[in-house]
PDB file of N, CA and C in Angstrom:
ATOM      1  N   MET A   1      95.974 111.740  74.525  1.00  0.00           N
ATOM      2  CA  MET A   1      94.509 111.925  74.251  1.00  0.00           C
ATOM      3  C   MET A   1      93.448 111.972  75.669  1.00  0.00           C
ATOM      4  N   ARG A   2      94.477 111.641  77.038  1.00  0.00           N
ATOM      5  CA  ARG A   2      94.439 111.634  78.333  1.00  0.00           C
ATOM      6  C   ARG A   2      93.743 112.889  79.133  1.00  0.00           C
ATOM      7  N   ALA A   3      94.681 113.868  78.623  1.00  0.00           N
ATOM      8  CA  ALA A   3      94.973 115.010  79.172  1.00  0.00           C
ATOM      9  C   ALA A   3      93.964 115.410  78.132  1.00  0.00           C
ATOM     10  N   LYS A   4      93.468 115.528  77.021  1.00  0.00           N
ATOM     11  CA  LYS A   4      92.252 116.481  76.184  1.00  0.00           C
ATOM     12  C   LYS A   4      90.551 116.005  76.994  1.00  0.00           C
ATOM     13  N   ASN A   5      91.276 114.479  77.502  1.00  0.00           N
ATOM     14  CA  ASN A   5      89.425 114.333  77.999  1.00  0.00           C
ATOM     15  C   ASN A   5      89.469 114.855  79.202  1.00  0.00           C
ATOM     16  N   MET A   6      90.268 114.997  79.810  1.00  0.00           N
ATOM     17  CA  MET A   6      90.418 115.672  81.660  1.00  0.00           C
ATOM     18  C   MET A   6      90.311 116.842  81.437  1.00  0.00           C
ATOM     19  N   THR A   7      91.076 117.463  79.767  1.00  0.00           N
ATOM     20  CA  THR A   7      90.202 119.190  80.224  1.00  0.00           C
ATOM     21  C   THR A   7      88.717 119.185  79.434  1.00  0.00           C
ATOM     22  N   ARG A   8      88.530 118.237  78.448  1.00  0.00           N
ATOM     23  CA  ARG A   8      87.135 118.544  78.198  1.00  0.00           C
ATOM     24  C   ARG A   8      86.052 118.183  79.390  1.00  0.00           C
ATOM     25  N   SER A   9      86.467 117.475  80.299  1.00  0.00           N
ATOM     26  CA  SER A   9      85.158 116.988  80.926  1.00  0.00           C
ATOM     27  C   SER A   9      85.399 117.753  81.996  1.00  0.00           C
ATOM     28  N   SER A  10      86.772 118.668  81.969  1.00  0.00           N
ATOM     29  CA  SER A  10      86.988 120.253  83.535  1.00  0.00           C
ATOM     30  C   SER A  10      86.319 121.101  82.795  1.00  0.00           C
ATOM     31  N   LEU A  11      86.195 121.616  81.140  1.00  0.00           N
ATOM     32  CA  LEU A  11      85.120 122.285  80.565  1.00  0.00           C
ATOM     33  C   LEU A  11      83.523 121.945  81.618  1.00  0.00           C
ATOM     34  N   HIS A  12      83.537 121.884  80.993  1.00  0.00           N
ATOM     35  CA  HIS A  12      81.589 120.789  80.649  1.00  0.00           C
ATOM     36  C   HIS A  12      81.520 120.874  81.887  1.00  0.00           C
ATOM     37  N   LEU A  13      82.083 120.126  82.608  1.00  0.00           N
ATOM     38  CA  LEU A  13      82.063 120.217  84.049  1.00  0.00           C
ATOM     39  C   LEU A  13      81.610 121.748  84.788  1.00  0.00           C
ATOM     40  N   ASN A  14      82.664 122.345  84.511  1.00  0.00           N
ATOM     41  CA  ASN A  14      82.423 123.700  84.938  1.00  0.00           C
ATOM     42  C   ASN A  14      81.546 124.762  84.316  1.00  0.00           C
ATOM     43  N   LEU A  15      81.002 124.300  83.327  1.00  0.00           N
ATOM     44  CA  LEU A  15      80.247 124.937  82.801  1.00  0.00           C
ATOM     45  C   LEU A  15      78.169 124.946  82.992  1.00  0.00           C
ATOM     46  N   GLU A  16      78.514 123.671  83.861  1.00  0.00           N
ATOM     47  CA  GLU A  16      77.602 123.722  84.466  1.00  0.00           C
ATOM     48  C   GLU A  16      76.961 124.174  85.747  1.00  0.00           C
ATOM     49  N   THR A  17      77.882 125.136  86.065  1.00  0.00           N
ATOM     50  CA  THR A  17      77.079 126.430  86.963  1.00  0.00           C
ATOM     51  C   THR A  17      77.257 127.668  86.850  1.00  0.00           C
ATOM     52  N   ALA A  18      75.827 128.374  86.750  1.00  0.00           N
ATOM     53  CA  ALA A  18      75.349 129.935  85.943  1.00  0.00           C
ATOM     54  C   ALA A  18      76.682 130.833  86.307  1.00  0.00           C
ATOM     55  N   GLY A  19      76.945 130.565  87.947  1.00  0.00           N
ATOM     56  CA  GLY A  19      78.326 131.659  88.311  1.00  0.00           C
ATOM     57  C   GLY A  19      79.608 131.884  86.648  1.00  0.00           C
ATOM     58  N   ILE A  20      79.712 130.261  87.038  1.00  0.00           N
ATOM     59  CA  ILE A  20      81.476 130.354  86.159  1.00  0.00           C
ATOM     60  C   ILE A  20      80.716 130.429  84.876  1.00  0.00           C
ATOM     61  N   VAL A  21      79.115 130.097  84.174  1.00  0.00           N
ATOM     62  CA  VAL A  21      79.084 130.306  82.964  1.00  0.00           C
ATOM     63  C   VAL A  21      79.120 131.911  82.239  1.00  0.00           C
ATOM     64  N   CYS A  22      78.571 132.963  83.304  1.00  0.00           N
ATOM     65  CA  CYS A  22      78.715 133.657  83.040  1.00  0.00           C
ATOM     66  C   CYS A  22      79.563 134.775  83.442  1.00  0.00           C
ATOM     67  N   GLU A  23      80.968 133.955  83.840  1.00  0.00           N
ATOM     68  CA  GLU A  23      82.601 134.284  84.278  1.00  0.00           C
ATOM     69  C   GLU A  23      82.927 134.328  82.588  1.00  0.00           C
ATOM     70  N   ASP A  24      82.374 132.882  82.178  1.00  0.00           N
ATOM     71  CA  ASP A  24      83.023 132.595  80.732  1.00  0.00           C
ATOM     72  C   ASP A  24      82.855 133.533  79.983  1.00  0.00           C
ATOM     73  N   LEU A  25      81.617 133.894  79.854  1.00  0.00           N
ATOM     74  CA  LEU A  25      80.846 134.618  79.045  1.00  0.00           C
ATOM     75  C   LEU A  25      81.049 135.829  78.866  1.00  0.00           C
ATOM     76  N   GLY A  26      81.436 136.947  79.976  1.00  0.00           N
ATOM     77  CA  GLY A  26      82.126 137.804  80.294  1.00  0.00           C
ATOM     78  C   GLY A  26      84.183 137.694  79.434  1.00  0.00           C
ATOM     79  N   ARG A  27      84.164 136.939  80.257  1.00  0.00           N
ATOM     80  CA  ARG A  27      86.425 136.205  79.662  1.00  0.00           C
ATOM     81  C   ARG A  27      85.797 136.279  78.371  1.00  0.00           C
ATOM     82  N   GLN A  28      84.971 135.803  77.542  1.00  0.00           N
ATOM     83  CA  GLN A  28      85.401 135.732  76.028  1.00  0.00           C
ATOM     84  C   GLN A  28      84.608 136.649  75.520  1.00  0.00           C
ATOM     85  N   VAL A  29      83.885 137.454  76.067  1.00  0.00           N
ATOM     86  CA  VAL A  29      83.536 138.599  75.012  1.00  0.00           C
ATOM     87  C   VAL A  29      84.378 139.444  75.086  1.00  0.00           C
ATOM     88  N   LEU A  30      85.173 139.817  75.779  1.00  0.00           N
ATOM     89  CA  LEU A  30      86.492 140.918  76.211  1.00  0.00           C
ATOM     90  C   LEU A  30      87.862 140.879  75.523  1.00  0.00           C
ATOM     91  N   TYR A  31      88.087 139.270  75.172  1.00  0.00           N
ATOM     92  CA  TYR A  31      89.090 139.127  74.832  1.00  0.00           C
ATOM     93  C   TYR A  31      88.655 138.673  73.165  1.00  0.00           C
ATOM     94  N   TYR A  32      87.894 137.988  73.036  1.00  0.00           N
ATOM     95  CA  TYR A  32      87.755 137.535  71.601  1.00  0.00           C
ATOM     96  C   TYR A  32      86.735 138.203  70.884  1.00  0.00           C
ATOM     97  N   GLY A  33      86.037 139.150  71.913  1.00  0.00           N
ATOM     98  CA  GLY A  33      85.026 140.112  71.225  1.00  0.00           C
ATOM     99  C   GLY A  33      82.754 138.982  70.778  1.00  0.00           C
ATOM    100  N   GLN A  34      83.430 137.694  71.371  1.00  0.00           N
ATOM    101  CA  GLN A  34      82.321 137.114  70.966  1.00  0.00           C
ATOM    102  C   GLN A  34      82.238 135.462  72.257  1.00  0.00           C
ATOM    103  N   ARG A  35      81.461 134.847  72.028  1.00  0.00           N
ATOM    104  CA  ARG A  35      81.464 133.813  73.331  1.00  0.00           C
ATOM    105  C   ARG A  35      81.626 132.241  72.242  1.00  0.00           C
ATOM    106  N   LYS A  36      81.774 131.212  72.321  1.00  0.00           N
ATOM    107  CA  LYS A  36      82.274 130.084  71.624  1.00  0.00           C
ATOM    108  C   LYS A  36      81.530 128.959  73.199  1.00  0.00           C
ATOM    109  N   SER A  37      81.011 127.908  72.060  1.00  0.00           N
ATOM    110  CA  SER A  37      80.425 127.497  73.118  1.00  0.00           C
ATOM    111  C   SER A  37      81.377 126.170  73.565  1.00  0.00           C
ATOM    112  N   GLY A  38      80.804 125.772  74.804  1.00  0.00           N
ATOM    113  CA  GLY A  38      81.250 124.537  75.335  1.00  0.00           C
ATOM    114  C   GLY A  38      81.629 123.035  74.060  1.00  0.00           C
ATOM    115  N   ALA A  39      81.136 123.306  73.342  1.00  0.00           N
ATOM    116  CA  ALA A  39      81.053 122.364  72.411  1.00  0.00           C
ATOM    117  C   ALA A  39      82.507 122.706  70.791  1.00  0.00           C
ATOM    118  N   ASP A  40      81.950 124.066  70.974  1.00  0.00           N
ATOM    119  CA  ASP A  40      83.371 124.562  70.226  1.00  0.00           C
ATOM    120  C   ASP A  40      84.268 124.257  70.339  1.00  0.00           C
ATOM    121  N   ILE A  41      84.939 125.070  71.638  1.00  0.00           N
ATOM    122  CA  ILE A  41      86.288 124.703  72.295  1.00  0.00           C
ATOM    123  C   ILE A  41      86.382 123.137  72.449  1.00  0.00           C
ATOM    124  N   SER A  42      85.235 122.555  72.884  1.00  0.00           N
ATOM    125  CA  SER A  42      86.263 121.179  72.856  1.00  0.00           C
ATOM    126  C   SER A  42      86.811 120.424  71.638  1.00  0.00           C
ATOM    127  N   LYS A  43      85.587 120.914  70.650  1.00  0.00           N
ATOM    128  CA  LYS A  43      86.131 120.394  68.960  1.00  0.00           C
ATOM    129  C   LYS A  43      87.375 121.124  68.670  1.00  0.00           C
ATOM    130  N   GLU A  44      87.691 122.224  69.668  1.00  0.00           N
ATOM    131  CA  GLU A  44      89.113 123.132  69.440  1.00  0.00           C
ATOM    132  C   GLU A  44      90.318 122.519  70.160  1.00  0.00           C
ATOM    133  N   ILE A  45      89.944 121.571  71.619  1.00  0.00           N
ATOM    134  CA  ILE A  45      91.022 120.742  72.087  1.00  0.00           C
ATOM    135  C   ILE A  45      91.449 119.589  71.238  1.00  0.00           C
ATOM    136  N   GLU A  46      90.611 119.044  71.085  1.00  0.00           N
ATOM    137  CA  GLU A  46      90.279 117.954  69.800  1.00  0.00           C
ATOM    138  C   GLU A  46      91.511 117.977  68.864  1.00  0.00           C
ATOM    139  N   ALA A  47      91.351 119.139  68.072  1.00  0.00           N
ATOM    140  CA  ALA A  47      91.867 119.545  67.049  1.00  0.00           C
ATOM    141  C   ALA A  47      93.691 119.451  67.427  1.00  0.00           C
ATOM    142  N   LEU A  48      93.536 119.754  68.409  1.00  0.00           N
ATOM    143  CA  LEU A  48      95.820 119.689  69.097  1.00  0.00           C
ATOM    144  C   LEU A  48      96.350 118.979  68.900  1.00  0.00           C
ATOM    145  N   GLY A  49      97.383 118.712  68.588  1.00  0.00           N
ATOM    146  CA  GLY A  49      98.535 118.361  68.525  1.00  0.00           C
ATOM    147  C   GLY A  49      99.822 118.636  68.984  1.00  0.00           C
ATOM    148  N   LYS A  50     100.888 117.537  68.855  1.00  0.00           N
ATOM    149  CA  LYS A  50     101.887 117.225  69.186  1.00  0.00           C
ATOM    150  C   LYS A  50     103.030 118.280  69.052  1.00  0.00           C
ATOM    151  N   LYS A  51     102.535 119.311  67.963  1.00  0.00           N
ATOM    152  CA  LYS A  51     103.085 120.239  67.882  1.00  0.00           C
ATOM    153  C   LYS A  51     102.580 121.501  67.885  1.00  0.00           C
ATOM    154  N   ASP A  52     101.668 121.846  67.999  1.00  0.00           N
ATOM    155  CA  ASP A  52     100.506 122.729  68.925  1.00  0.00           C
ATOM    156  C   ASP A  52     101.139 122.798  70.293  1.00  0.00           C
ATOM    157  N   LEU A  53     101.435 121.559  70.795  1.00  0.00           N
ATOM    158  CA  LEU A  53     101.760 121.787  72.549  1.00  0.00           C
ATOM    159  C   LEU A  53     103.344 122.314  72.277  1.00  0.00           C
ATOM    160  N   VAL A  54     103.968 121.451  71.512  1.00  0.00           N
ATOM    161  CA  VAL A  54     105.345 122.343  71.681  1.00  0.00           C
ATOM    162  C   VAL A  54     105.591 123.825  70.979  1.00  0.00           C
ATOM    163  N   ARG A  55     105.272 123.926  70.288  1.00  0.00           N
ATOM    164  CA  ARG A  55     104.890 125.458  69.802  1.00  0.00           C
ATOM    165  C   ARG A  55     104.332 126.203  71.198  1.00  0.00           C
ATOM    166  N   ALA A  56     103.987 125.986  71.643  1.00  0.00           N
ATOM    167  CA  ALA A  56     103.391 126.516  73.086  1.00  0.00           C
ATOM    168  C   ALA A  56     103.887 126.775  73.890  1.00  0.00           C
ATOM    169  N   ALA A  57     104.899 125.182  74.400  1.00  0.00           N
ATOM    170  CA  ALA A  57     105.602 125.481  75.159  1.00  0.00           C
ATOM    171  C   ALA A  57     107.204 126.364  75.232  1.00  0.00           C
ATOM    172  N   GLU A  58     107.390 126.354  73.877  1.00  0.00           N
ATOM    173  CA  GLU A  58     108.775 126.953  73.356  1.00  0.00           C
ATOM    174  C   GLU A  58     108.658 128.510  73.449  1.00  0.00           C
ATOM    175  N   ARG A  59     106.912 128.874  73.647  1.00  0.00           N
ATOM    176  CA  ARG A  59     106.859 130.371  72.888  1.00  0.00           C
ATOM    177  C   ARG A  59     107.022 130.729  74.836  1.00  0.00           C
ATOM    178  N   MET A  60     106.346 129.920  76.040  1.00  0.00           N
ATOM    179  CA  MET A  60     106.149 130.523  77.074  1.00  0.00           C
ATOM    180  C   MET A  60     107.850 130.233  77.932  1.00  0.00           C
ATOM    181  N   LEU A  61     108.757 128.940  77.298  1.00  0.00           N
ATOM    182  CA  LEU A  61     109.519 129.126  78.319  1.00  0.00           C
ATOM    183  C   LEU A  61     111.312 129.941  77.506  1.00  0.00           C
ATOM    184  N   SER A  62     110.802 130.907  76.392  1.00  0.00           N
ATOM    185  CA  SER A  62     111.530 131.638  75.749  1.00  0.00           C
ATOM    186  C   SER A  62     111.309 132.937  76.107  1.00  0.00           C
ATOM    187  N   SER A  63     109.981 133.315  76.838  1.00  0.00           N
ATOM    188  CA  SER A  63     109.814 134.808  77.496  1.00  0.00           C
ATOM    189  C   SER A  63     111.068 135.129  78.777  1.00  0.00           C
ATOM    190  N   PRO A  64     111.091 135.592  79.713  1.00  0.00           N
ATOM    191  CA  PRO A  64     111.720 136.000  81.199  1.00  0.00           C
ATOM    192  C   PRO A  64     110.435 135.446  81.974  1.00  0.00           C
ATOM    193  N   VAL A  65     111.092 135.208  83.467  1.00  0.00           N
ATOM    194  CA  VAL A  65     110.551 134.454  84.315  1.00  0.00           C
ATOM    195  C   VAL A  65     110.258 135.422  85.102  1.00  0.00           C
ATOM    196  N   SER A  66     108.816 135.241  85.323  1.00  0.00           N
ATOM    197  CA  SER A  66     107.739 135.731  86.326  1.00  0.00           C
ATOM    198  C   SER A  66     107.484 135.281  87.360  1.00  0.00           C
ATOM    199  N   VAL A  67     107.511 135.925  88.944  1.00  0.00           N
ATOM    200  CA  VAL A  67     107.770 135.672  89.845  1.00  0.00           C
ATOM    201  C   VAL A  67     106.687 136.403  90.868  1.00  0.00           C
ATOM    202  N   ALA A  68     105.859 135.977  91.566  1.00  0.00           N
ATOM    203  CA  ALA A  68     105.260 136.021  92.199  1.00  0.00           C
ATOM    204  C   ALA A  68     105.028 135.769  94.020  1.00  0.00           C
ATOM    205  N   ALA A  69     105.003 136.719  94.819  1.00  0.00           N
ATOM    206  CA  ALA A  69     104.954 135.856  95.943  1.00  0.00           C
ATOM    207  C   ALA A  69     103.768 137.027  97.274  1.00  0.00           C
ATOM    208  N   TYR A  70     103.236 136.229  97.531  1.00  0.00           N
ATOM    209  CA  TYR A  70     102.092 136.314  98.912  1.00  0.00           C
ATOM    210  C   TYR A  70     103.276 136.041 100.219  1.00  0.00           C
ATOM    211  N   GLY A  71     102.323 136.921 100.957  1.00  0.00           N
ATOM    212  CA  GLY A  71     102.600 136.161 102.489  1.00  0.00           C
ATOM    213  C   GLY A  71     104.053 136.669 102.699  1.00  0.00           C
ATOM    214  N   ASP A  72     104.664 135.950 103.721  1.00  0.00           N
ATOM    215  CA  ASP A  72     105.597 135.421 104.575  1.00  0.00           C
ATOM    216  C   ASP A  72     106.758 135.013 103.224  1.00  0.00           C
ATOM    217  N   VAL A  73     107.903 136.101 102.671  1.00  0.00           N
ATOM    218  CA  VAL A  73     108.608 135.913 101.871  1.00  0.00           C
ATOM    219  C   VAL A  73     109.946 135.582 102.000  1.00  0.00           C
ATOM    220  N   ALA A  74     110.227 135.772 102.982  1.00  0.00           N
ATOM    221  CA  ALA A  74     111.480 135.072 103.106  1.00  0.00           C
ATOM    222  C   ALA A  74     112.033 134.039 103.363  1.00  0.00           C
ATOM    223  N   TRP A  75     111.308 133.315 102.881  1.00  0.00           N
ATOM    224  CA  TRP A  75     112.030 131.647 102.489  1.00  0.00           C
ATOM    225  C   TRP A  75     111.848 131.452 100.323  1.00  0.00           C
ATOM    226  N   VAL A  76     111.488 132.797  99.558  1.00  0.00           N
ATOM    227  CA  VAL A  76     111.251 132.591  98.515  1.00  0.00           C
ATOM    228  C   VAL A  76     112.790 132.752  97.710  1.00  0.00           C
ATOM    229  N   PRO A  77     113.577 131.921  97.486  1.00  0.00           N
ATOM    230  CA  PRO A  77     114.641 132.097  96.311  1.00  0.00           C
ATOM    231  C   PRO A  77     114.837 133.815  96.078  1.00  0.00           C
ATOM    232  N   ASN A  78     115.781 134.126  95.534  1.00  0.00           N
ATOM    233  CA  ASN A  78     116.540 135.818  94.937  1.00  0.00           C
ATOM    234  C   ASN A  78     116.103 135.340  92.980  1.00  0.00           C
ATOM    235  N   TYR A  79     115.392 135.990  92.648  1.00  0.00           N
ATOM    236  CA  TYR A  79     114.622 135.813  91.152  1.00  0.00           C
ATOM    237  C   TYR A  79     116.211 135.307  90.120  1.00  0.00           C
ATOM    238  N   SER A  80     116.767 136.030  90.621  1.00  0.00           N
ATOM    239  CA  SER A  80     118.230 135.446  90.150  1.00  0.00           C
ATOM    240  C   SER A  80     118.516 133.811  90.091  1.00  0.00           C
ATOM    241  N   ASP A  81     118.339 133.278  91.286  1.00  0.00           N
ATOM    242  CA  ASP A  81     118.751 131.876  91.249  1.00  0.00           C
ATOM    243  C   ASP A  81     117.375 131.164  90.817  1.00  0.00           C
ATOM    244  N   ILE A  82     115.990 131.659  90.754  1.00  0.00           N
ATOM    245  CA  ILE A  82     114.979 131.269  89.941  1.00  0.00           C
ATOM    246  C   ILE A  82     115.077 130.895  88.580  1.00  0.00           C
ATOM    247  N   CYS A  83     115.795 132.102  87.787  1.00  0.00           N
ATOM    248  CA  CYS A  83     115.998 132.153  86.504  1.00  0.00           C
ATOM    249  C   CYS A  83     117.040 130.783  86.259  1.00  0.00           C
ATOM    250  N   ALA A  84     118.270 130.942  86.992  1.00  0.00           N
ATOM    251  CA  ALA A  84     119.293 129.960  86.305  1.00  0.00           C
ATOM    252  C   ALA A  84     118.768 128.541  86.695  1.00  0.00           C
ATOM    253  N   LEU A  85     117.012 128.295  87.168  1.00  0.00           N
ATOM    254  CA  LEU A  85     117.158 127.139  86.882  1.00  0.00           C
ATOM    255  C   LEU A  85     115.907 126.757  85.971  1.00  0.00           C
ATOM    256  N   LYS A  86     115.837 127.806  84.664  1.00  0.00           N
ATOM    257  CA  LYS A  86     115.455 127.605  83.479  1.00  0.00           C
ATOM    258  C   LYS A  86     116.526 127.181  82.754  1.00  0.00           C
TER     259      LYS A  86
END
């Protein structure tokens, strides 16, 4: 419940800035072909349950690891070492 409340609070706080609202509008129209209101998204967040989170986590963890590094990469572990941590 705490995570849901924090996510909804962050959503509504971000939607108070005109620039972020425009960015959100563009992203949603590109991805979904329409824009959902903050209230609609808040309802979707509220409807999420443990099974939904487990399914999402399993899906993310079943894909190959992606790694990106920027700047001095001398201390970035080898890809095989990172994959072994999974």
